């Protein structure tokens, strides 16, 4: 039983040592601000730089400054916001200074010379644990499938168009249309009317011939006498 416990302790010790070695081998070193630790060009310069990087345990920060020009003080969150160094956690007056990030959490650093902190010479660092399981990102909910509309069925028989009656009367299309009735003006003249007209014309011609004969006779008699 004791041998089994000793084996477990040795295994755990080896596991912790191996994990620490892997962390050290994967650790990175960052030069804060990618420049010297001094008054920044604008107040949020160091905040922007910190937000652009991802820090893990066993990484290290290098604050590059000259001893007579700057210093480095680690403070709590409230003192960091107020640029107050009344309750410092750590003071480093010699530069350059290297900070090893041993724990996960948020750490605050500032310079308390003159009003350098109010001008933006301060930085907050968020340190992550590389072995912590990040919460799984929620899977996107599937979008609802579009409703497929079935086509409207056509009616079995379409209604026939209404039959328009012909103005000449109802007759079958297959039969020839009735012949038109002749008009009164196109009818032949009645024989009675034509006969009367002919008789009248004859009487008129006879009268003219009698008169002409009388005139000829009268002229002939006058010449003889």
Foldseek 3Di string as FASTA:
>chain_A
DVVVVVVVVVVVVVVVVVVVVVLLVPAEEEEQLNDALFQDPAQCSSVVVQVVDAAAAQHKYWHADALVHWWKFKDDPVCLVVVHCPPTPDTGRHPRDMDHRHDFDKTKMATNPDCSSVSRSIHIHGYHYPPDDDDDDDDDDDDDDDDDDDDDDDDPDDDDDDDDADPVGDDDPVDDDDDDDDDPVPDDDDPVVVVVVVVVVVVVVVVVVVVVVVVVVVVVVVVVD
